[in-house]
Amino acid sequence: MLNRKIRIAVFVSGGGTNLQALIDAQKSGIIKSGEIVLVVSNKEGAYALERAKNNNIKAVTVARKNFATVDDFENELLKVLDENKIDFIVFAGFLAILSDRVTSKYPNRIINIHPSLIPAFCGKGYYGLKVHESALEYGVKVTGATVHYVNEVTDGGKIIAQKAVEIKEGDTPEILQKRVMEEAEWVLLPKATEDVCKKLLEE
C-alpha cells in the first residue's frame, strides 16, 4: 500500500525524554516509515503523557495498581493496542516487565532502549540511575546504550544497535546518565525505530 506507515505505540513510565527524542525525530524526518499514534504510560501523571498531548498524540494510562491481577493488566494493554491497530511498540523508559502473553503477540515488534552496553549492567533490577551507579562502582571506562528486541527475558532480546559513551573523571551517576542520553539514547532509539519500521513495511 502506498504511503502506508507503521503504527507505533510508545510505552513510558516517567518524564519521557526518549519519547521527546522520538517525536522530534518524526518531525525532522528521521522517522518516516512509522508514525507515533499512541503513548501508553503505566504510571498516572507521568510527564510523558503531557508531551504526547502537546504533540496531539493520543495518550492513555494503564496502571498495574488499578487491576486485580497481572493478567487483567496485560489484557487491558492488549485491548488498547488492538483498538489502536498498533503494529510496533517502542519502550522508552518503560519500567514494567511484561510476560510472554504480550511479547509473543508482537514478535520482533517490540524494542527497548537500555542505558548500558548489554550484557553489562542489565537484567532484573538494572534500570534508571542504578545502571550508571553500577558502571561507576565497577570502574568501567566505557558505557553506552543498547537498543534490543524485547522478549520474555529482561533485557534478553537480540541486540539491534549499540553506541559507546566514554566515562570521564569526576562523573556522578546523574552526569553520566545525561551524557548517555544525549550521546547515545536519543541518537540510537529514533534510528532503530525507523530501521525496524522500514523492515516491517517490507514484510
C-alpha atoms as a PDB file:
ATOM      1  CA  MET A   1       0.000   0.000   0.000  1.00  0.00           C
ATOM      2  CA  LEU A   2       1.414   3.373  -0.959  1.00  0.00           C
ATOM      3  CA  ASN A   3       2.316   5.760   1.825  1.00  0.00           C
ATOM      4  CA  ARG A   4       1.435   3.211   4.483  1.00  0.00           C
ATOM      5  CA  LYS A   5       3.130   3.893   7.794  1.00  0.00           C
ATOM      6  CA  ILE A   6       3.753   1.512  10.660  1.00  0.00           C
ATOM      7  CA  ARG A   7       1.524   2.475  13.597  1.00  0.00           C
ATOM      8  CA  ILE A   8       3.755   2.954  16.640  1.00  0.00           C
ATOM      9  CA  ALA A   9       2.855   2.877  20.337  1.00  0.00           C
ATOM     10  CA  VAL A  10       5.458   4.277  22.731  1.00  0.00           C
ATOM     11  CA  PHE A  11       5.381   2.830  26.274  1.00  0.00           C
ATOM     12  CA  VAL A  12       6.619   5.141  29.040  1.00  0.00           C
ATOM     13  CA  SER A  13       6.801   5.357  32.826  1.00  0.00           C
ATOM     14  CA  GLY A  14       8.284   8.765  33.580  1.00  0.00           C
ATOM     15  CA  GLY A  15       9.385  12.077  32.124  1.00  0.00           C
ATOM     16  CA  GLY A  16       9.523  10.895  28.559  1.00  0.00           C
ATOM     17  CA  THR A  17      12.853  12.319  27.361  1.00  0.00           C
ATOM     18  CA  ASN A  18      13.270   9.389  24.969  1.00  0.00           C
ATOM     19  CA  LEU A  19       9.675   9.897  23.820  1.00  0.00           C
ATOM     20  CA  GLN A  20      10.579  13.521  23.067  1.00  0.00           C
ATOM     21  CA  ALA A  21      13.588  12.348  21.045  1.00  0.00           C
ATOM     22  CA  LEU A  22      11.245  10.108  19.033  1.00  0.00           C
ATOM     23  CA  ILE A  23       8.701  12.899  18.477  1.00  0.00           C
ATOM     24  CA  ASP A  24      11.488  15.259  17.359  1.00  0.00           C
ATOM     25  CA  ALA A  25      12.869  12.587  15.020  1.00  0.00           C
ATOM     26  CA  GLN A  26       9.441  12.115  13.493  1.00  0.00           C
ATOM     27  CA  LYS A  27       9.125  15.865  12.902  1.00  0.00           C
ATOM     28  CA  SER A  28      12.598  16.119  11.360  1.00  0.00           C
ATOM     29  CA  GLY A  29      12.031  13.149   9.052  1.00  0.00           C
ATOM     30  CA  ILE A  30      14.429  10.668  10.690  1.00  0.00           C
ATOM     31  CA  ILE A  31      11.382   8.500  11.417  1.00  0.00           C
ATOM     32  CA  LYS A  32       9.423   8.377   8.165  1.00  0.00           C
ATOM     33  CA  SER A  33       8.342   4.730   7.828  1.00  0.00           C
ATOM     34  CA  GLY A  34       6.298   4.861  11.012  1.00  0.00           C
ATOM     35  CA  GLU A  35       4.075   7.225  12.937  1.00  0.00           C
ATOM     36  CA  ILE A  36       3.605   7.523  16.703  1.00  0.00           C
ATOM     37  CA  VAL A  37      -0.153   7.205  17.155  1.00  0.00           C
ATOM     38  CA  LEU A  38      -0.303   6.246  20.836  1.00  0.00           C
ATOM     39  CA  VAL A  39       1.583   6.788  24.086  1.00  0.00           C
ATOM     40  CA  VAL A  40       0.890   4.342  26.929  1.00  0.00           C
ATOM     41  CA  SER A  41       2.017   5.018  30.492  1.00  0.00           C
ATOM     42  CA  ASN A  42       1.873   2.554  33.374  1.00  0.00           C
ATOM     43  CA  LYS A  43       2.169   5.483  35.822  1.00  0.00           C
ATOM     44  CA  GLU A  44      -0.589   8.010  36.384  1.00  0.00           C
ATOM     45  CA  GLY A  45       0.556  11.599  35.933  1.00  0.00           C
ATOM     46  CA  ALA A  46       3.789  10.730  34.108  1.00  0.00           C
ATOM     47  CA  TYR A  47       5.096  13.858  32.373  1.00  0.00           C
ATOM     48  CA  ALA A  48       5.483  11.835  29.166  1.00  0.00           C
ATOM     49  CA  LEU A  49       1.668  11.960  28.852  1.00  0.00           C
ATOM     50  CA  GLU A  50       1.866  15.780  28.699  1.00  0.00           C
ATOM     51  CA  ARG A  51       4.497  15.536  25.956  1.00  0.00           C
ATOM     52  CA  ALA A  52       2.129  13.323  23.973  1.00  0.00           C
ATOM     53  CA  LYS A  53      -0.805  15.713  24.404  1.00  0.00           C
ATOM     54  CA  ASN A  54       1.361  18.704  23.458  1.00  0.00           C
ATOM     55  CA  ASN A  55       2.071  16.934  20.159  1.00  0.00           C
ATOM     56  CA  ASN A  56      -1.518  15.801  19.519  1.00  0.00           C
ATOM     57  CA  ILE A  57      -0.711  12.149  20.156  1.00  0.00           C
ATOM     58  CA  LYS A  58      -3.306  10.015  21.930  1.00  0.00           C
ATOM     59  CA  ALA A  59      -2.160   9.223  25.484  1.00  0.00           C
ATOM     60  CA  VAL A  60      -3.567   6.591  27.823  1.00  0.00           C
ATOM     61  CA  THR A  61      -2.676   5.322  31.276  1.00  0.00           C
ATOM     62  CA  VAL A  62      -2.874   1.637  32.115  1.00  0.00           C
ATOM     63  CA  ALA A  63      -1.636   1.390  35.712  1.00  0.00           C
ATOM     64  CA  ARG A  64      -0.975  -2.036  37.198  1.00  0.00           C
ATOM     65  CA  LYS A  65      -2.367  -0.938  40.592  1.00  0.00           C
ATOM     66  CA  ASN A  66      -5.821  -0.483  39.051  1.00  0.00           C
ATOM     67  CA  PHE A  67      -6.091  -4.171  38.181  1.00  0.00           C
ATOM     68  CA  ALA A  68      -6.578  -7.150  40.468  1.00  0.00           C
ATOM     69  CA  THR A  69      -4.135  -9.379  38.607  1.00  0.00           C
ATOM     70  CA  VAL A  70      -1.235  -9.120  36.172  1.00  0.00           C
ATOM     71  CA  ASP A  71      -3.414 -10.931  33.623  1.00  0.00           C
ATOM     72  CA  ASP A  72      -6.098  -8.244  33.883  1.00  0.00           C
ATOM     73  CA  PHE A  73      -3.445  -5.523  33.483  1.00  0.00           C
ATOM     74  CA  GLU A  74      -1.957  -7.201  30.411  1.00  0.00           C
ATOM     75  CA  ASN A  75      -5.400  -7.887  28.925  1.00  0.00           C
ATOM     76  CA  GLU A  76      -6.158  -4.179  29.135  1.00  0.00           C
ATOM     77  CA  LEU A  77      -2.818  -3.334  27.466  1.00  0.00           C
ATOM     78  CA  LEU A  78      -3.528  -5.794  24.647  1.00  0.00           C
ATOM     79  CA  LYS A  79      -7.029  -4.367  24.244  1.00  0.00           C
ATOM     80  CA  VAL A  80      -5.670  -0.802  23.953  1.00  0.00           C
ATOM     81  CA  LEU A  81      -3.064  -1.923  21.400  1.00  0.00           C
ATOM     82  CA  ASP A  82      -5.703  -3.758  19.423  1.00  0.00           C
ATOM     83  CA  GLU A  83      -8.186  -0.867  19.457  1.00  0.00           C
ATOM     84  CA  ASN A  84      -5.497   1.461  18.122  1.00  0.00           C
ATOM     85  CA  LYS A  85      -4.327  -1.029  15.461  1.00  0.00           C
ATOM     86  CA  ILE A  86      -0.733  -0.914  16.721  1.00  0.00           C
ATOM     87  CA  ASP A  87       1.917  -2.597  14.565  1.00  0.00           C
ATOM     88  CA  PHE A  88       5.008  -1.860  16.611  1.00  0.00           C
ATOM     89  CA  ILE A  89       5.872  -0.944  20.214  1.00  0.00           C
ATOM     90  CA  VAL A  90       8.787   1.130  21.481  1.00  0.00           C
ATOM     91  CA  PHE A  91       9.705   1.007  25.183  1.00  0.00           C
ATOM     92  CA  ALA A  92      11.104   4.440  26.029  1.00  0.00           C
ATOM     93  CA  GLY A  93      11.809   4.299  29.748  1.00  0.00           C
ATOM     94  CA  PHE A  94       9.026   1.772  30.419  1.00  0.00           C
ATOM     95  CA  LEU A  95       9.667   0.140  33.770  1.00  0.00           C
ATOM     96  CA  ALA A  96       7.078  -2.636  33.817  1.00  0.00           C
ATOM     97  CA  ILE A  97       8.080  -6.160  32.811  1.00  0.00           C
ATOM     98  CA  LEU A  98       5.543  -7.772  30.500  1.00  0.00           C
ATOM     99  CA  SER A  99       5.041 -11.519  30.234  1.00  0.00           C
ATOM    100  CA  ASP A 100       5.283 -13.555  27.063  1.00  0.00           C
ATOM    101  CA  ARG A 101       1.480 -13.260  26.789  1.00  0.00           C
ATOM    102  CA  VAL A 102       2.166  -9.762  25.458  1.00  0.00           C
ATOM    103  CA  THR A 103       5.618 -10.177  23.915  1.00  0.00           C
ATOM    104  CA  SER A 104       4.652 -13.296  21.941  1.00  0.00           C
ATOM    105  CA  LYS A 105       1.815 -11.365  20.257  1.00  0.00           C
ATOM    106  CA  TYR A 106       4.361  -8.867  18.912  1.00  0.00           C
ATOM    107  CA  PRO A 107       7.384 -10.986  17.912  1.00  0.00           C
ATOM    108  CA  ASN A 108      10.226  -8.729  16.718  1.00  0.00           C
ATOM    109  CA  ARG A 109       7.789  -5.849  17.027  1.00  0.00           C
ATOM    110  CA  ILE A 110       8.806  -4.524  20.446  1.00  0.00           C
ATOM    111  CA  ILE A 111      12.090  -2.728  21.068  1.00  0.00           C
ATOM    112  CA  ASN A 112      13.629  -1.232  24.196  1.00  0.00           C
ATOM    113  CA  ILE A 113      16.444   1.181  24.952  1.00  0.00           C
ATOM    114  CA  HIS A 114      18.713   0.222  27.854  1.00  0.00           C
ATOM    115  CA  PRO A 115      21.331   2.633  29.273  1.00  0.00           C
ATOM    116  CA  SER A 116      24.355   0.317  29.171  1.00  0.00           C
ATOM    117  CA  LEU A 117      26.241  -1.858  26.717  1.00  0.00           C
ATOM    118  CA  ILE A 118      24.371  -5.132  27.138  1.00  0.00           C
ATOM    119  CA  PRO A 119      25.337  -7.684  28.502  1.00  0.00           C
ATOM    120  CA  ALA A 120      26.906  -5.338  31.087  1.00  0.00           C
ATOM    121  CA  PHE A 121      24.672  -3.910  33.838  1.00  0.00           C
ATOM    122  CA  CYS A 122      21.380  -5.296  32.589  1.00  0.00           C
ATOM    123  CA  GLY A 123      18.615  -7.629  33.666  1.00  0.00           C
ATOM    124  CA  LYS A 124      16.367  -7.572  36.713  1.00  0.00           C
ATOM    125  CA  GLY A 125      16.816  -4.518  38.921  1.00  0.00           C
ATOM    126  CA  TYR A 126      19.014  -2.619  36.470  1.00  0.00           C
ATOM    127  CA  TYR A 127      17.151   0.495  35.399  1.00  0.00           C
ATOM    128  CA  GLY A 128      17.477   4.268  35.625  1.00  0.00           C
ATOM    129  CA  LEU A 129      20.290   5.618  37.799  1.00  0.00           C
ATOM    130  CA  LYS A 130      21.068   2.142  39.190  1.00  0.00           C
ATOM    131  CA  VAL A 131      22.698   1.227  35.873  1.00  0.00           C
ATOM    132  CA  HIS A 132      25.021   4.255  35.953  1.00  0.00           C
ATOM    133  CA  GLU A 133      25.804   3.831  39.672  1.00  0.00           C
ATOM    134  CA  SER A 134      26.865   0.239  38.967  1.00  0.00           C
ATOM    135  CA  ALA A 135      29.032   1.251  35.996  1.00  0.00           C
ATOM    136  CA  LEU A 136      30.849   3.843  38.114  1.00  0.00           C
ATOM    137  CA  GLU A 137      31.236   1.490  41.096  1.00  0.00           C
ATOM    138  CA  TYR A 138      32.669  -1.184  38.831  1.00  0.00           C
ATOM    139  CA  GLY A 139      35.128   1.292  37.338  1.00  0.00           C
ATOM    140  CA  VAL A 140      34.429   0.630  33.648  1.00  0.00           C
ATOM    141  CA  LYS A 141      35.932   3.215  31.306  1.00  0.00           C
ATOM    142  CA  VAL A 142      33.224   2.978  28.664  1.00  0.00           C
ATOM    143  CA  THR A 143      29.467   2.627  28.943  1.00  0.00           C
ATOM    144  CA  GLY A 144      26.722   3.435  26.471  1.00  0.00           C
ATOM    145  CA  ALA A 145      23.254   2.405  25.376  1.00  0.00           C
ATOM    146  CA  THR A 146      21.699  -0.586  23.639  1.00  0.00           C
ATOM    147  CA  VAL A 147      18.528  -0.946  21.595  1.00  0.00           C
ATOM    148  CA  HIS A 148      17.272  -4.516  21.604  1.00  0.00           C
ATOM    149  CA  TYR A 149      14.205  -6.539  20.763  1.00  0.00           C
ATOM    150  CA  VAL A 150      12.011  -7.342  23.767  1.00  0.00           C
ATOM    151  CA  ASN A 151      11.206 -10.913  24.670  1.00  0.00           C
ATOM    152  CA  GLU A 152      10.141 -12.593  27.926  1.00  0.00           C
ATOM    153  CA  VAL A 153      13.678 -12.277  29.389  1.00  0.00           C
ATOM    154  CA  THR A 154      14.509  -8.868  30.929  1.00  0.00           C
ATOM    155  CA  ASP A 155      16.987  -7.150  28.554  1.00  0.00           C
ATOM    156  CA  GLY A 156      17.373 -10.542  26.865  1.00  0.00           C
ATOM    157  CA  GLY A 157      16.274  -9.933  23.283  1.00  0.00           C
ATOM    158  CA  LYS A 158      18.503  -9.714  20.238  1.00  0.00           C
ATOM    159  CA  ILE A 159      20.613  -6.537  20.052  1.00  0.00           C
ATOM    160  CA  ILE A 160      19.738  -4.112  17.237  1.00  0.00           C
ATOM    161  CA  ALA A 161      22.239  -1.305  17.878  1.00  0.00           C
ATOM    162  CA  GLN A 162      24.749  -0.083  20.460  1.00  0.00           C
ATOM    163  CA  LYS A 163      26.680   3.119  20.972  1.00  0.00           C
ATOM    164  CA  ALA A 164      29.576   3.586  23.365  1.00  0.00           C
ATOM    165  CA  VAL A 165      29.944   6.598  25.646  1.00  0.00           C
ATOM    166  CA  GLU A 166      33.135   7.482  27.482  1.00  0.00           C
ATOM    167  CA  ILE A 167      33.165   7.696  31.276  1.00  0.00           C
ATOM    168  CA  LYS A 168      35.008  10.784  32.462  1.00  0.00           C
ATOM    169  CA  GLU A 169      36.896  11.697  35.610  1.00  0.00           C
ATOM    170  CA  GLY A 170      34.518  13.124  38.210  1.00  0.00           C
ATOM    171  CA  ASP A 171      31.357  11.642  36.691  1.00  0.00           C
ATOM    172  CA  THR A 172      28.415  11.202  39.024  1.00  0.00           C
ATOM    173  CA  PRO A 173      25.559   8.831  38.147  1.00  0.00           C
ATOM    174  CA  GLU A 174      23.445  11.879  37.213  1.00  0.00           C
ATOM    175  CA  ILE A 175      26.098  13.404  34.926  1.00  0.00           C
ATOM    176  CA  LEU A 176      26.726  10.034  33.292  1.00  0.00           C
ATOM    177  CA  GLN A 177      23.002   9.413  32.815  1.00  0.00           C
ATOM    178  CA  LYS A 178      22.654  12.746  30.991  1.00  0.00           C
ATOM    179  CA  ARG A 179      25.654  12.077  28.736  1.00  0.00           C
ATOM    180  CA  VAL A 180      24.435   8.570  27.843  1.00  0.00           C
ATOM    181  CA  MET A 181      21.020  10.009  26.973  1.00  0.00           C
ATOM    182  CA  GLU A 182      22.369  12.841  24.840  1.00  0.00           C
ATOM    183  CA  GLU A 183      25.169  10.946  23.093  1.00  0.00           C
ATOM    184  CA  ALA A 184      23.614   7.501  22.755  1.00  0.00           C
ATOM    185  CA  GLU A 185      19.940   7.023  23.669  1.00  0.00           C
ATOM    186  CA  TRP A 186      18.500   9.967  21.755  1.00  0.00           C
ATOM    187  CA  VAL A 187      20.559   9.026  18.687  1.00  0.00           C
ATOM    188  CA  LEU A 188      20.071   5.250  18.744  1.00  0.00           C
ATOM    189  CA  LEU A 189      16.385   4.932  19.565  1.00  0.00           C
ATOM    190  CA  PRO A 190      14.976   7.088  16.722  1.00  0.00           C
ATOM    191  CA  LYS A 191      17.308   5.446  14.190  1.00  0.00           C
ATOM    192  CA  ALA A 192      16.460   1.919  15.363  1.00  0.00           C
ATOM    193  CA  THR A 193      12.745   2.794  15.317  1.00  0.00           C
ATOM    194  CA  GLU A 194      12.993   3.889  11.684  1.00  0.00           C
ATOM    195  CA  ASP A 195      15.090   0.830  10.737  1.00  0.00           C
ATOM    196  CA  VAL A 196      12.587  -1.618  12.245  1.00  0.00           C
ATOM    197  CA  CYS A 197       9.572   0.213  10.778  1.00  0.00           C
ATOM    198  CA  LYS A 198      11.169   0.126   7.352  1.00  0.00           C
ATOM    199  CA  LYS A 199      11.799  -3.605   7.731  1.00  0.00           C
ATOM    200  CA  LEU A 200       8.190  -4.207   8.810  1.00  0.00           C
ATOM    201  CA  LEU A 201       6.884  -2.322   5.765  1.00  0.00           C
ATOM    202  CA  GLU A 202       8.910  -4.631   3.536  1.00  0.00           C
ATOM    203  CA  GLU A 203       7.483  -7.817   5.084  1.00  0.00           C
END
